[in-house]
Protein backbone atom coordinates (compact mmCIF):
# COMPACT_ATOMS: atom_id res chain seq x y z
CA MET A 1 17.82 -54.63 -19.35
CA TYR A 2 19.41 -53.20 -16.18
CA GLY A 3 20.34 -49.98 -18.02
CA MET A 4 16.75 -49.45 -19.16
CA LYS A 5 15.41 -49.80 -15.59
CA LYS A 6 18.01 -47.35 -14.35
CA LEU A 7 17.11 -44.86 -17.09
CA THR A 8 13.38 -45.18 -16.37
CA LEU A 9 13.94 -44.70 -12.64
CA SER A 10 16.09 -41.63 -13.29
CA LEU A 11 13.43 -40.08 -15.51
CA LEU A 12 10.68 -40.74 -12.97
CA LEU A 13 12.68 -39.21 -10.13
CA SER A 14 13.53 -36.17 -12.25
CA ALA A 15 9.89 -35.65 -13.18
CA ALA A 16 8.80 -36.01 -9.55
CA SER A 17 11.36 -33.49 -8.30
CA LEU A 18 10.40 -30.98 -11.00
CA THR A 19 6.73 -31.34 -10.11
CA ALA A 20 7.47 -30.83 -6.40
CA PHE A 21 9.60 -27.78 -7.17
CA ALA A 22 6.92 -26.29 -9.43
CA GLN A 23 4.30 -26.68 -6.70
CA ALA A 24 6.54 -25.25 -3.97
CA ALA A 25 7.48 -22.09 -5.89
CA PRO A 26 3.97 -20.52 -5.98
CA ALA A 27 3.44 -21.37 -2.31
CA ALA A 28 6.68 -19.62 -1.38
CA SER A 29 5.78 -16.52 -3.39
CA ALA A 30 2.31 -16.44 -1.81
CA ALA A 31 3.84 -16.68 1.65
CA SER A 32 6.23 -13.82 0.94
CA ALA A 33 3.36 -11.72 -0.45
CA ALA A 34 1.32 -12.40 2.68
CA SER A 35 4.21 -11.48 4.94
CA ALA A 36 4.67 -8.20 3.06
CA ALA A 37 1.15 -7.10 4.06
CA PRO A 38 0.56 -5.98 7.67
CA ALA A 39 -0.51 -8.94 9.77
CA THR A 40 -3.12 -7.18 11.93
CA CYS A 41 -5.80 -4.55 11.66
CA THR A 42 -3.88 -2.34 14.08
CA ALA A 43 -0.72 -2.61 11.96
CA SER A 44 -2.70 -1.81 8.81
CA ALA A 45 -4.25 1.26 10.45
CA ALA A 46 -0.83 2.45 11.60
CA GLU A 47 0.66 1.87 8.15
CA LYS A 48 -2.16 3.90 6.59
CA LYS A 49 -1.64 6.57 9.29
CA LEU A 50 -5.31 6.57 10.23
CA ALA A 51 -6.57 8.54 13.23
CA GLY A 52 -9.86 9.49 14.87
CA ALA A 53 -13.10 8.54 13.18
CA ALA A 54 -11.35 7.09 10.14
CA LYS A 55 -9.35 4.73 12.35
CA ASN A 56 -12.45 3.74 14.35
CA SER A 57 -14.39 3.00 11.17
CA PHE A 58 -11.49 1.02 9.69
CA MET A 59 -11.00 -1.00 12.89
CA THR A 60 -14.73 -1.78 13.14
CA LYS A 61 -14.87 -3.03 9.56
CA CYS A 62 -11.62 -4.97 9.93
CA GLU A 63 -12.87 -6.63 13.13
CA LYS A 64 -16.16 -7.61 11.45
CA ASP A 65 -14.25 -9.07 8.49
CA ALA A 66 -11.93 -10.96 10.85
CA THR A 67 -14.90 -12.32 12.79
CA ALA A 68 -16.50 -13.57 9.59
CA ARG A 69 -13.25 -15.26 8.47
CA CYS A 70 -12.71 -16.82 11.89
CA GLU A 71 -16.32 -18.07 12.10
CA ALA A 72 -15.95 -19.66 8.67
CA ALA A 73 -12.64 -21.27 9.64
CA ALA A 74 -14.14 -22.66 12.86
CA THR A 75 -17.12 -24.06 10.97
CA GLU A 76 -14.77 -25.62 8.40
CA ARG A 77 -12.85 -27.26 11.25
CA LYS A 78 -16.21 -28.54 12.58
CA LEU A 79 -15.85 -26.83 15.95
CA ALA A 80 -18.93 -26.26 18.11
CA GLY A 81 -19.90 -24.80 21.44
CA ALA A 82 -17.19 -23.54 23.78
CA ALA A 83 -14.39 -24.77 21.54
CA LYS A 84 -15.75 -22.74 18.62
CA ALA A 85 -16.30 -19.64 20.75
CA SER A 86 -12.80 -19.85 22.21
CA ASN A 87 -11.23 -20.43 18.82
CA VAL A 88 -13.10 -17.52 17.21
CA LYS A 89 -12.24 -15.20 20.10
CA LYS A 90 -8.52 -15.98 19.84
CA CYS A 91 -8.55 -15.81 16.05
CA VAL A 92 -10.20 -12.35 16.07
CA LYS A 93 -7.84 -11.12 18.79
CA ASP A 94 -4.85 -12.26 16.70
CA ALA A 95 -6.27 -10.67 13.54
CA VAL A 96 -7.07 -7.33 15.17
CA GLY A 97 -3.84 -7.08 17.16
CA ALA A 98 -2.99 -5.00 20.21
CA ALA A 99 -4.64 -1.61 20.45
């Protein structure tokens, strides 16, 4: 009787650890893929070696995209008023990067 409980517990723990490992592996690969891409619009423009009008156009589009993502994130977090405005402003600044 005791041996059967021990065996069952061992199997359950093994299954749980395999499930946790399987879920952590894709997250780790997604994080490494995200870190491989430039983190900001400015870094992306520099990596693409953009200059002049092409850089201005790219930065404008990137800033608009960042604003849309940040607005959506703030809405999802149920922010409103000054808190939302502040959060969006910081989020866009972080996404665009230093000029």
